[in-house]
Amino acid sequence: MPENTNHRGDIFGGWLMSQMDLAGADKAREETGCEFATRFAETSFEKPILVGDVVEFYTNVEKVGNTSITIALDVWAVRRLKQEYVKVASGRYTYVSIGNDRQPKPIAP
């Protein structure tokens, strides 16, 4: 949406990172059934996202540890006006499983 853009009309990187964080956490929860807090986020921006693009997130479990899980993400945009499909970002996000007390807890096998 236009309110998520910078002065050039590109979507803010921070908006994209927040969406990537949500997608990664959703994948982590889906795979383990645990609740998570974000521990580490690494993002590489490759091309801008434009107003009107449809954005798709692809996630893959990279590693599961005792209390953490690492999710790899690829982000693609469908540029409807040009009929293009382009990779716009990628990342690696690590989440820590947390209990009701907000402290790390083991991920059940």
PDB file of N, CA and C in Angstrom:
ATOM      1  N   MET A   1       0.840  -1.185   0.000  1.00  0.00           N
ATOM      2  CA  MET A   1       0.000   0.000   0.000  1.00  0.00           C
ATOM      3  C   MET A   1       0.885   1.248   0.000  1.00  0.00           C
ATOM      4  N   PRO A   2       0.393   2.332  -0.531  1.00  0.00           N
ATOM      5  CA  PRO A   2       1.193   3.564  -0.622  1.00  0.00           C
ATOM      6  C   PRO A   2       1.745   4.057   0.714  1.00  0.00           C
ATOM      7  N   GLU A   3       1.029   3.836   1.814  1.00  0.00           N
ATOM      8  CA  GLU A   3       1.524   4.313   3.115  1.00  0.00           C
ATOM      9  C   GLU A   3       2.751   3.536   3.592  1.00  0.00           C
ATOM     10  N   ASN A   4       3.083   2.441   2.914  1.00  0.00           N
ATOM     11  CA  ASN A   4       4.253   1.636   3.265  1.00  0.00           C
ATOM     12  C   ASN A   4       5.447   1.917   2.357  1.00  0.00           C
ATOM     13  N   THR A   5       5.430   3.072   1.677  1.00  0.00           N
ATOM     14  CA  THR A   5       6.489   3.360   0.711  1.00  0.00           C
ATOM     15  C   THR A   5       7.398   4.500   1.159  1.00  0.00           C
ATOM     16  N   ASN A   6       8.582   4.507   0.548  1.00  0.00           N
ATOM     17  CA  ASN A   6       9.500   5.618   0.745  1.00  0.00           C
ATOM     18  C   ASN A   6       9.209   6.698  -0.303  1.00  0.00           C
ATOM     19  N   HIS A   7      10.044   7.711  -0.370  1.00  0.00           N
ATOM     20  CA  HIS A   7       9.802   8.839  -1.274  1.00  0.00           C
ATOM     21  C   HIS A   7       9.918   8.443  -2.760  1.00  0.00           C
ATOM     22  N   ARG A   8      10.515   7.289  -3.060  1.00  0.00           N
ATOM     23  CA  ARG A   8      10.649   6.836  -4.456  1.00  0.00           C
ATOM     24  C   ARG A   8       9.512   5.915  -4.876  1.00  0.00           C
ATOM     25  N   GLY A   9       8.651   5.570  -3.935  1.00  0.00           N
ATOM     26  CA  GLY A   9       7.541   4.681  -4.262  1.00  0.00           C
ATOM     27  C   GLY A   9       7.845   3.206  -4.065  1.00  0.00           C
ATOM     28  N   ASP A  10       9.008   2.897  -3.462  1.00  0.00           N
ATOM     29  CA  ASP A  10       9.355   1.510  -3.155  1.00  0.00           C
ATOM     30  C   ASP A  10       8.864   1.175  -1.748  1.00  0.00           C
ATOM     31  N   ILE A  11       8.519  -0.089  -1.536  1.00  0.00           N
ATOM     32  CA  ILE A  11       8.075  -0.517  -0.215  1.00  0.00           C
ATOM     33  C   ILE A  11       9.254  -0.454   0.760  1.00  0.00           C
ATOM     34  N   PHE A  12       9.015   0.054   1.968  1.00  0.00           N
ATOM     35  CA  PHE A  12      10.051   0.139   2.996  1.00  0.00           C
ATOM     36  C   PHE A  12      10.611  -1.245   3.311  1.00  0.00           C
ATOM     37  N   GLY A  13      11.933  -1.327   3.464  1.00  0.00           N
ATOM     38  CA  GLY A  13      12.575  -2.572   3.843  1.00  0.00           C
ATOM     39  C   GLY A  13      12.116  -3.062   5.196  1.00  0.00           C
ATOM     40  N   GLY A  14      11.858  -2.152   6.120  1.00  0.00           N
ATOM     41  CA  GLY A  14      11.383  -2.537   7.449  1.00  0.00           C
ATOM     42  C   GLY A  14      10.030  -3.226   7.397  1.00  0.00           C
ATOM     43  N   TRP A  15       9.159  -2.760   6.507  1.00  0.00           N
ATOM     44  CA  TRP A  15       7.858  -3.418   6.335  1.00  0.00           C
ATOM     45  C   TRP A  15       8.074  -4.841   5.851  1.00  0.00           C
ATOM     46  N   LEU A  16       8.966  -5.008   4.871  1.00  0.00           N
ATOM     47  CA  LEU A  16       9.222  -6.343   4.340  1.00  0.00           C
ATOM     48  C   LEU A  16       9.821  -7.249   5.418  1.00  0.00           C
ATOM     49  N   MET A  17      10.763  -6.733   6.199  1.00  0.00           N
ATOM     50  CA  MET A  17      11.365  -7.551   7.256  1.00  0.00           C
ATOM     51  C   MET A  17      10.315  -8.002   8.278  1.00  0.00           C
ATOM     52  N   SER A  18       9.369  -7.148   8.600  1.00  0.00           N
ATOM     53  CA  SER A  18       8.338  -7.546   9.566  1.00  0.00           C
ATOM     54  C   SER A  18       7.465  -8.659   8.984  1.00  0.00           C
ATOM     55  N   GLN A  19       7.182  -8.598   7.697  1.00  0.00           N
ATOM     56  CA  GLN A  19       6.390  -9.644   7.058  1.00  0.00           C
ATOM     57  C   GLN A  19       7.183 -10.954   6.985  1.00  0.00           C
ATOM     58  N   MET A  20       8.494 -10.849   6.723  1.00  0.00           N
ATOM     59  CA  MET A  20       9.350 -12.029   6.695  1.00  0.00           C
ATOM     60  C   MET A  20       9.411 -12.673   8.085  1.00  0.00           C
ATOM     61  N   ASP A  21       9.502 -11.847   9.117  1.00  0.00           N
ATOM     62  CA  ASP A  21       9.539 -12.341  10.489  1.00  0.00           C
ATOM     63  C   ASP A  21       8.256 -13.108  10.811  1.00  0.00           C
ATOM     64  N   LEU A  22       7.125 -12.576  10.398  1.00  0.00           N
ATOM     65  CA  LEU A  22       5.851 -13.256  10.625  1.00  0.00           C
ATOM     66  C   LEU A  22       5.783 -14.578   9.871  1.00  0.00           C
ATOM     67  N   ALA A  23       6.229 -14.578   8.612  1.00  0.00           N
ATOM     68  CA  ALA A  23       6.203 -15.806   7.810  1.00  0.00           C
ATOM     69  C   ALA A  23       7.122 -16.864   8.405  1.00  0.00           C
ATOM     70  N   GLY A  24       8.310 -16.459   8.847  1.00  0.00           N
ATOM     71  CA  GLY A  24       9.252 -17.395   9.444  1.00  0.00           C
ATOM     72  C   GLY A  24       8.737 -17.968  10.749  1.00  0.00           C
ATOM     73  N   ALA A  25       8.175 -17.119  11.596  1.00  0.00           N
ATOM     74  CA  ALA A  25       7.632 -17.579  12.875  1.00  0.00           C
ATOM     75  C   ALA A  25       6.455 -18.525  12.658  1.00  0.00           C
ATOM     76  N   ASP A  26       5.653 -18.248  11.644  1.00  0.00           N
ATOM     77  CA  ASP A  26       4.529 -19.120  11.329  1.00  0.00           C
ATOM     78  C   ASP A  26       5.031 -20.505  10.913  1.00  0.00           C
ATOM     79  N   LYS A  27       6.083 -20.549  10.100  1.00  0.00           N
ATOM     80  CA  LYS A  27       6.662 -21.829   9.682  1.00  0.00           C
ATOM     81  C   LYS A  27       7.233 -22.575  10.887  1.00  0.00           C
ATOM     82  N   ALA A  28       7.944 -21.870  11.770  1.00  0.00           N
ATOM     83  CA  ALA A  28       8.512 -22.486  12.966  1.00  0.00           C
ATOM     84  C   ALA A  28       7.414 -23.081  13.842  1.00  0.00           C
ATOM     85  N   ARG A  29       6.329 -22.350  14.034  1.00  0.00           N
ATOM     86  CA  ARG A  29       5.201 -22.812  14.845  1.00  0.00           C
ATOM     87  C   ARG A  29       4.533 -24.014  14.191  1.00  0.00           C
ATOM     88  N   GLU A  30       4.376 -23.952  12.873  1.00  0.00           N
ATOM     89  CA  GLU A  30       3.758 -25.048  12.122  1.00  0.00           C
ATOM     90  C   GLU A  30       4.578 -26.341  12.258  1.00  0.00           C
ATOM     91  N   GLU A  31       5.888 -26.215  12.228  1.00  0.00           N
ATOM     92  CA  GLU A  31       6.769 -27.383  12.286  1.00  0.00           C
ATOM     93  C   GLU A  31       6.891 -27.984  13.681  1.00  0.00           C
ATOM     94  N   THR A  32       6.764 -27.168  14.723  1.00  0.00           N
ATOM     95  CA  THR A  32       7.061 -27.645  16.077  1.00  0.00           C
ATOM     96  C   THR A  32       5.897 -27.556  17.057  1.00  0.00           C
ATOM     97  N   GLY A  33       4.933 -26.704  16.791  1.00  0.00           N
ATOM     98  CA  GLY A  33       3.839 -26.492  17.735  1.00  0.00           C
ATOM     99  C   GLY A  33       4.204 -25.578  18.889  1.00  0.00           C
ATOM    100  N   CYS A  34       5.411 -25.017  18.861  1.00  0.00           N
ATOM    101  CA  CYS A  34       5.887 -24.140  19.937  1.00  0.00           C
ATOM    102  C   CYS A  34       5.601 -22.673  19.615  1.00  0.00           C
ATOM    103  N   GLU A  35       5.661 -21.858  20.660  1.00  0.00           N
ATOM    104  CA  GLU A  35       5.628 -20.413  20.490  1.00  0.00           C
ATOM    105  C   GLU A  35       7.073 -19.923  20.462  1.00  0.00           C
ATOM    106  N   PHE A  36       7.333 -18.848  19.718  1.00  0.00           N
ATOM    107  CA  PHE A  36       8.697 -18.394  19.513  1.00  0.00           C
ATOM    108  C   PHE A  36       8.867 -16.897  19.693  1.00  0.00           C
ATOM    109  N   ALA A  37      10.095 -16.531  20.008  1.00  0.00           N
ATOM    110  CA  ALA A  37      10.537 -15.136  19.981  1.00  0.00           C
ATOM    111  C   ALA A  37      11.693 -15.078  18.983  1.00  0.00           C
ATOM    112  N   THR A  38      11.775 -13.983  18.249  1.00  0.00           N
ATOM    113  CA  THR A  38      12.838 -13.823  17.256  1.00  0.00           C
ATOM    114  C   THR A  38      14.162 -13.573  17.954  1.00  0.00           C
ATOM    115  N   ARG A  39      15.180 -14.317  17.569  1.00  0.00           N
ATOM    116  CA  ARG A  39      16.518 -14.195  18.160  1.00  0.00           C
ATOM    117  C   ARG A  39      17.461 -13.473  17.227  1.00  0.00           C
ATOM    118  N   PHE A  40      17.358 -13.758  15.926  1.00  0.00           N
ATOM    119  CA  PHE A  40      18.300 -13.224  14.943  1.00  0.00           C
ATOM    120  C   PHE A  40      17.598 -13.115  13.600  1.00  0.00           C
ATOM    121  N   ALA A  41      17.875 -12.035  12.892  1.00  0.00           N
ATOM    122  CA  ALA A  41      17.298 -11.845  11.561  1.00  0.00           C
ATOM    123  C   ALA A  41      18.378 -11.329  10.618  1.00  0.00           C
ATOM    124  N   GLU A  42      18.520 -12.008   9.508  1.00  0.00           N
ATOM    125  CA  GLU A  42      19.474 -11.608   8.468  1.00  0.00           C
ATOM    126  C   GLU A  42      18.683 -11.506   7.171  1.00  0.00           C
ATOM    127  N   THR A  43      18.724 -10.342   6.542  1.00  0.00           N
ATOM    128  CA  THR A  43      17.944 -10.116   5.331  1.00  0.00           C
ATOM    129  C   THR A  43      18.809  -9.501   4.247  1.00  0.00           C
ATOM    130  N   SER A  44      18.626  -9.996   3.039  1.00  0.00           N
ATOM    131  CA  SER A  44      19.309  -9.443   1.870  1.00  0.00           C
ATOM    132  C   SER A  44      18.247  -8.926   0.906  1.00  0.00           C
ATOM    133  N   PHE A  45      18.295  -7.629   0.638  1.00  0.00           N
ATOM    134  CA  PHE A  45      17.354  -7.021  -0.302  1.00  0.00           C
ATOM    135  C   PHE A  45      17.981  -7.045  -1.693  1.00  0.00           C
ATOM    136  N   GLU A  46      17.271  -7.605  -2.651  1.00  0.00           N
ATOM    137  CA  GLU A  46      17.824  -7.764  -3.991  1.00  0.00           C
ATOM    138  C   GLU A  46      17.206  -6.818  -5.014  1.00  0.00           C
ATOM    139  N   LYS A  47      15.901  -6.637  -4.948  1.00  0.00           N
ATOM    140  CA  LYS A  47      15.201  -5.733  -5.866  1.00  0.00           C
ATOM    141  C   LYS A  47      14.074  -5.058  -5.100  1.00  0.00           C
ATOM    142  N   PRO A  48      13.660  -3.892  -5.539  1.00  0.00           N
ATOM    143  CA  PRO A  48      12.573  -3.212  -4.818  1.00  0.00           C
ATOM    144  C   PRO A  48      11.223  -3.885  -5.033  1.00  0.00           C
ATOM    145  N   ILE A  49      10.351  -3.701  -4.042  1.00  0.00           N
ATOM    146  CA  ILE A  49       8.950  -4.085  -4.180  1.00  0.00           C
ATOM    147  C   ILE A  49       8.198  -2.805  -4.492  1.00  0.00           C
ATOM    148  N   LEU A  50       7.364  -2.854  -5.511  1.00  0.00           N
ATOM    149  CA  LEU A  50       6.632  -1.675  -5.965  1.00  0.00           C
ATOM    150  C   LEU A  50       5.177  -1.751  -5.507  1.00  0.00           C
ATOM    151  N   VAL A  51       4.544  -0.606  -5.368  1.00  0.00           N
ATOM    152  CA  VAL A  51       3.118  -0.574  -5.044  1.00  0.00           C
ATOM    153  C   VAL A  51       2.382  -1.338  -6.145  1.00  0.00           C
ATOM    154  N   GLY A  52       1.517  -2.233  -5.738  1.00  0.00           N
ATOM    155  CA  GLY A  52       0.762  -3.042  -6.692  1.00  0.00           C
ATOM    156  C   GLY A  52       1.329  -4.437  -6.898  1.00  0.00           C
ATOM    157  N   ASP A  53       2.578  -4.667  -6.470  1.00  0.00           N
ATOM    158  CA  ASP A  53       3.155  -6.004  -6.576  1.00  0.00           C
ATOM    159  C   ASP A  53       2.431  -6.949  -5.618  1.00  0.00           C
ATOM    160  N   VAL A  54       2.337  -8.206  -6.006  1.00  0.00           N
ATOM    161  CA  VAL A  54       1.865  -9.259  -5.120  1.00  0.00           C
ATOM    162  C   VAL A  54       3.114  -9.937  -4.578  1.00  0.00           C
ATOM    163  N   VAL A  55       3.218 -10.055  -3.258  1.00  0.00           N
ATOM    164  CA  VAL A  55       4.422 -10.579  -2.626  1.00  0.00           C
ATOM    165  C   VAL A  55       4.151 -11.990  -2.099  1.00  0.00           C
ATOM    166  N   GLU A  56       5.099 -12.898  -2.400  1.00  0.00           N
ATOM    167  CA  GLU A  56       4.981 -14.284  -1.959  1.00  0.00           C
ATOM    168  C   GLU A  56       6.193 -14.654  -1.106  1.00  0.00           C
ATOM    169  N   PHE A  57       5.947 -15.399  -0.032  1.00  0.00           N
ATOM    170  CA  PHE A  57       6.994 -15.801   0.904  1.00  0.00           C
ATOM    171  C   PHE A  57       7.125 -17.315   0.874  1.00  0.00           C
ATOM    172  N   TYR A  58       8.358 -17.792   0.717  1.00  0.00           N
ATOM    173  CA  TYR A  58       8.641 -19.219   0.718  1.00  0.00           C
ATOM    174  C   TYR A  58       9.595 -19.513   1.863  1.00  0.00           C
ATOM    175  N   THR A  59       9.227 -20.470   2.708  1.00  0.00           N
ATOM    176  CA  THR A  59      10.006 -20.765   3.903  1.00  0.00           C
ATOM    177  C   THR A  59      10.477 -22.211   3.898  1.00  0.00           C
ATOM    178  N   ASN A  60      11.615 -22.425   4.549  1.00  0.00           N
ATOM    179  CA  ASN A  60      12.179 -23.760   4.651  1.00  0.00           C
ATOM    180  C   ASN A  60      12.924 -23.874   5.983  1.00  0.00           C
ATOM    181  N   VAL A  61      12.685 -24.965   6.698  1.00  0.00           N
ATOM    182  CA  VAL A  61      13.413 -25.199   7.947  1.00  0.00           C
ATOM    183  C   VAL A  61      14.855 -25.549   7.597  1.00  0.00           C
ATOM    184  N   GLU A  62      15.779 -24.780   8.136  1.00  0.00           N
ATOM    185  CA  GLU A  62      17.196 -25.004   7.867  1.00  0.00           C
ATOM    186  C   GLU A  62      17.864 -25.816   8.977  1.00  0.00           C
ATOM    187  N   LYS A  63      17.466 -25.548  10.224  1.00  0.00           N
ATOM    188  CA  LYS A  63      18.101 -26.223  11.356  1.00  0.00           C
ATOM    189  C   LYS A  63      17.172 -26.156  12.563  1.00  0.00           C
ATOM    190  N   VAL A  64      17.139 -27.265  13.315  1.00  0.00           N
ATOM    191  CA  VAL A  64      16.403 -27.294  14.573  1.00  0.00           C
ATOM    192  C   VAL A  64      17.389 -27.667  15.669  1.00  0.00           C
ATOM    193  N   GLY A  65      17.488 -26.819  16.672  1.00  0.00           N
ATOM    194  CA  GLY A  65      18.366 -27.076  17.814  1.00  0.00           C
ATOM    195  C   GLY A  65      17.557 -27.469  19.031  1.00  0.00           C
ATOM    196  N   ASN A  66      18.170 -27.366  20.204  1.00  0.00           N
ATOM    197  CA  ASN A  66      17.501 -27.723  21.447  1.00  0.00           C
ATOM    198  C   ASN A  66      16.352 -26.764  21.769  1.00  0.00           C
ATOM    199  N   THR A  67      16.618 -25.462  21.645  1.00  0.00           N
ATOM    200  CA  THR A  67      15.579 -24.464  21.938  1.00  0.00           C
ATOM    201  C   THR A  67      15.328 -23.512  20.764  1.00  0.00           C
ATOM    202  N   SER A  68      16.059 -23.689  19.666  1.00  0.00           N
ATOM    203  CA  SER A  68      15.919 -22.741  18.561  1.00  0.00           C
ATOM    204  C   SER A  68      15.686 -23.448  17.234  1.00  0.00           C
ATOM    205  N   ILE A  69      15.180 -22.677  16.289  1.00  0.00           N
ATOM    206  CA  ILE A  69      14.942 -23.158  14.938  1.00  0.00           C
ATOM    207  C   ILE A  69      15.332 -22.038  13.973  1.00  0.00           C
ATOM    208  N   THR A  70      15.982 -22.400  12.884  1.00  0.00           N
ATOM    209  CA  THR A  70      16.386 -21.430  11.870  1.00  0.00           C
ATOM    210  C   THR A  70      15.582 -21.688  10.604  1.00  0.00           C
ATOM    211  N   ILE A  71      14.992 -20.625  10.092  1.00  0.00           N
ATOM    212  CA  ILE A  71      14.148 -20.681   8.902  1.00  0.00           C
ATOM    213  C   ILE A  71      14.784 -19.846   7.795  1.00  0.00           C
ATOM    214  N   ALA A  72      14.932 -20.438   6.616  1.00  0.00           N
ATOM    215  CA  ALA A  72      15.388 -19.709   5.431  1.00  0.00           C
ATOM    216  C   ALA A  72      14.153 -19.209   4.693  1.00  0.00           C
ATOM    217  N   LEU A  73      14.240 -17.982   4.187  1.00  0.00           N
ATOM    218  CA  LEU A  73      13.109 -17.386   3.478  1.00  0.00           C
ATOM    219  C   LEU A  73      13.549 -16.833   2.134  1.00  0.00           C
ATOM    220  N   ASP A  74      12.713 -16.994   1.138  1.00  0.00           N
ATOM    221  CA  ASP A  74      12.860 -16.327  -0.154  1.00  0.00           C
ATOM    222  C   ASP A  74      11.582 -15.549  -0.402  1.00  0.00           C
ATOM    223  N   VAL A  75      11.734 -14.337  -0.899  1.00  0.00           N
ATOM    224  CA  VAL A  75      10.583 -13.476  -1.153  1.00  0.00           C
ATOM    225  C   VAL A  75      10.559 -13.132  -2.638  1.00  0.00           C
ATOM    226  N   TRP A  76       9.427 -13.352  -3.249  1.00  0.00           N
ATOM    227  CA  TRP A  76       9.239 -13.086  -4.675  1.00  0.00           C
ATOM    228  C   TRP A  76       8.100 -12.093  -4.850  1.00  0.00           C
ATOM    229  N   ALA A  77       8.203 -11.276  -5.884  1.00  0.00           N
ATOM    230  CA  ALA A  77       7.138 -10.321  -6.215  1.00  0.00           C
ATOM    231  C   ALA A  77       6.627 -10.609  -7.614  1.00  0.00           C
ATOM    232  N   VAL A  78       5.330 -10.537  -7.747  1.00  0.00           N
ATOM    233  CA  VAL A  78       4.697 -10.642  -9.059  1.00  0.00           C
ATOM    234  C   VAL A  78       4.385  -9.217  -9.488  1.00  0.00           C
ATOM    235  N   ARG A  79       5.077  -8.771 -10.516  1.00  0.00           N
ATOM    236  CA  ARG A  79       4.835  -7.433 -11.059  1.00  0.00           C
ATOM    237  C   ARG A  79       3.748  -7.574 -12.126  1.00  0.00           C
ATOM    238  N   ARG A  80       2.536  -7.333 -11.711  1.00  0.00           N
ATOM    239  CA  ARG A  80       1.389  -7.598 -12.577  1.00  0.00           C
ATOM    240  C   ARG A  80       1.392  -6.761 -13.847  1.00  0.00           C
ATOM    241  N   LEU A  81       1.859  -5.527 -13.754  1.00  0.00           N
ATOM    242  CA  LEU A  81       1.830  -4.671 -14.941  1.00  0.00           C
ATOM    243  C   LEU A  81       2.799  -5.143 -16.014  1.00  0.00           C
ATOM    244  N   LYS A  82       3.922  -5.732 -15.592  1.00  0.00           N
ATOM    245  CA  LYS A  82       4.934  -6.189 -16.550  1.00  0.00           C
ATOM    246  C   LYS A  82       4.902  -7.697 -16.757  1.00  0.00           C
ATOM    247  N   GLN A  83       4.013  -8.401 -16.020  1.00  0.00           N
ATOM    248  CA  GLN A  83       3.951  -9.857 -16.088  1.00  0.00           C
ATOM    249  C   GLN A  83       5.295 -10.494 -15.749  1.00  0.00           C
ATOM    250  N   GLU A  84       5.974  -9.943 -14.711  1.00  0.00           N
ATOM    251  CA  GLU A  84       7.264 -10.464 -14.268  1.00  0.00           C
ATOM    252  C   GLU A  84       7.116 -11.131 -12.910  1.00  0.00           C
ATOM    253  N   TYR A  85       8.003 -12.084 -12.655  1.00  0.00           N
ATOM    254  CA  TYR A  85       8.093 -12.771 -11.379  1.00  0.00           C
ATOM    255  C   TYR A  85       9.546 -12.650 -10.959  1.00  0.00           C
ATOM    256  N   VAL A  86       9.833 -11.843  -9.915  1.00  0.00           N
ATOM    257  CA  VAL A  86      11.221 -11.560  -9.545  1.00  0.00           C
ATOM    258  C   VAL A  86      11.480 -11.821  -8.071  1.00  0.00           C
ATOM    259  N   LYS A  87      12.686 -12.343  -7.793  1.00  0.00           N
ATOM    260  CA  LYS A  87      13.098 -12.533  -6.409  1.00  0.00           C
ATOM    261  C   LYS A  87      13.524 -11.176  -5.870  1.00  0.00           C
ATOM    262  N   VAL A  88      12.922 -10.769  -4.748  1.00  0.00           N
ATOM    263  CA  VAL A  88      13.195  -9.440  -4.214  1.00  0.00           C
ATOM    264  C   VAL A  88      14.010  -9.456  -2.929  1.00  0.00           C
ATOM    265  N   ALA A  89      14.006 -10.583  -2.211  1.00  0.00           N
ATOM    266  CA  ALA A  89      14.756 -10.639  -0.949  1.00  0.00           C
ATOM    267  C   ALA A  89      14.920 -12.092  -0.516  1.00  0.00           C
ATOM    268  N   SER A  90      15.865 -12.271   0.385  1.00  0.00           N
ATOM    269  CA  SER A  90      16.042 -13.574   1.022  1.00  0.00           C
ATOM    270  C   SER A  90      16.518 -13.321   2.440  1.00  0.00           C
ATOM    271  N   GLY A  91      16.398 -14.327   3.273  1.00  0.00           N
ATOM    272  CA  GLY A  91      16.822 -14.138   4.649  1.00  0.00           C
ATOM    273  C   GLY A  91      16.937 -15.428   5.411  1.00  0.00           C
ATOM    274  N   ARG A  92      17.473 -15.277   6.596  1.00  0.00           N
ATOM    275  CA  ARG A  92      17.619 -16.390   7.529  1.00  0.00           C
ATOM    276  C   ARG A  92      17.223 -15.826   8.894  1.00  0.00           C
ATOM    277  N   TYR A  93      16.208 -16.419   9.485  1.00  0.00           N
ATOM    278  CA  TYR A  93      15.693 -15.945  10.767  1.00  0.00           C
ATOM    279  C   TYR A  93      15.762 -17.083  11.777  1.00  0.00           C
ATOM    280  N   THR A  94      16.269 -16.781  12.968  1.00  0.00           N
ATOM    281  CA  THR A  94      16.364 -17.768  14.037  1.00  0.00           C
ATOM    282  C   THR A  94      15.400 -17.373  15.151  1.00  0.00           C
ATOM    283  N   TYR A  95      14.652 -18.357  15.617  1.00  0.00           N
ATOM    284  CA  TYR A  95      13.649 -18.159  16.660  1.00  0.00           C
ATOM    285  C   TYR A  95      13.979 -19.057  17.844  1.00  0.00           C
ATOM    286  N   VAL A  96      13.663 -18.584  19.047  1.00  0.00           N
ATOM    287  CA  VAL A  96      13.860 -19.356  20.270  1.00  0.00           C
ATOM    288  C   VAL A  96      12.491 -19.736  20.812  1.00  0.00           C
ATOM    289  N   SER A  97      12.322 -21.017  21.106  1.00  0.00           N
ATOM    290  CA  SER A  97      11.084 -21.504  21.697  1.00  0.00           C
ATOM    291  C   SER A  97      10.958 -20.941  23.109  1.00  0.00           C
ATOM    292  N   ILE A  98       9.780 -20.419  23.435  1.00  0.00           N
ATOM    293  CA  ILE A  98       9.570 -19.844  24.766  1.00  0.00           C
ATOM    294  C   ILE A  98       8.321 -20.434  25.422  1.00  0.00           C
ATOM    295  N   GLY A  99       8.378 -20.514  26.740  1.00  0.00           N
ATOM    296  CA  GLY A  99       7.238 -20.977  27.521  1.00  0.00           C
ATOM    297  C   GLY A  99       6.381 -19.812  27.976  1.00  0.00           C
ATOM    298  N   ASN A 100       5.394 -20.106  28.789  1.00  0.00           N
ATOM    299  CA  ASN A 100       4.498 -19.071  29.316  1.00  0.00           C
ATOM    300  C   ASN A 100       5.236 -18.037  30.150  1.00  0.00           C
ATOM    301  N   ASP A 101       6.384 -18.429  30.711  1.00  0.00           N
ATOM    302  CA  ASP A 101       7.177 -17.508  31.517  1.00  0.00           C
ATOM    303  C   ASP A 101       8.127 -16.656  30.655  1.00  0.00           C
ATOM    304  N   ARG A 102       8.017 -16.803  29.342  1.00  0.00           N
ATOM    305  CA  ARG A 102       8.844 -16.067  28.368  1.00  0.00           C
ATOM    306  C   ARG A 102      10.319 -16.471  28.409  1.00  0.00           C
ATOM    307  N   GLN A 103      10.616 -17.604  29.013  1.00  0.00           N
ATOM    308  CA  GLN A 103      11.972 -18.135  29.072  1.00  0.00           C
ATOM    309  C   GLN A 103      12.117 -19.238  28.024  1.00  0.00           C
ATOM    310  N   PRO A 104      13.361 -19.443  27.517  1.00  0.00           N
ATOM    311  CA  PRO A 104      13.574 -20.505  26.525  1.00  0.00           C
ATOM    312  C   PRO A 104      13.130 -21.868  27.064  1.00  0.00           C
ATOM    313  N   LYS A 105      12.543 -22.645  26.179  1.00  0.00           N
ATOM    314  CA  LYS A 105      12.162 -24.007  26.551  1.00  0.00           C
ATOM    315  C   LYS A 105      12.529 -24.932  25.409  1.00  0.00           C
ATOM    316  N   PRO A 106      12.842 -26.193  25.728  1.00  0.00           N
ATOM    317  CA  PRO A 106      13.234 -27.141  24.689  1.00  0.00           C
ATOM    318  C   PRO A 106      12.134 -27.359  23.666  1.00  0.00           C
ATOM    319  N   ILE A 107      12.550 -27.576  22.438  1.00  0.00           N
ATOM    320  CA  ILE A 107      11.625 -27.951  21.369  1.00  0.00           C
ATOM    321  C   ILE A 107      11.427 -29.462  21.474  1.00  0.00           C
ATOM    322  N   ALA A 108      10.192 -29.896  21.597  1.00  0.00           N
ATOM    323  CA  ALA A 108       9.912 -31.343  21.706  1.00  0.00           C
ATOM    324  C   ALA A 108      10.275 -32.021  20.386  1.00  0.00           C
ATOM    325  N   PRO A 109      10.829 -33.240  20.478  1.00  0.00           N
ATOM    326  CA  PRO A 109      11.187 -33.965  19.241  1.00  0.00           C
ATOM    327  C   PRO A 109       9.968 -34.333  18.417  1.00  0.00           C
TER     328      PRO A 109
END
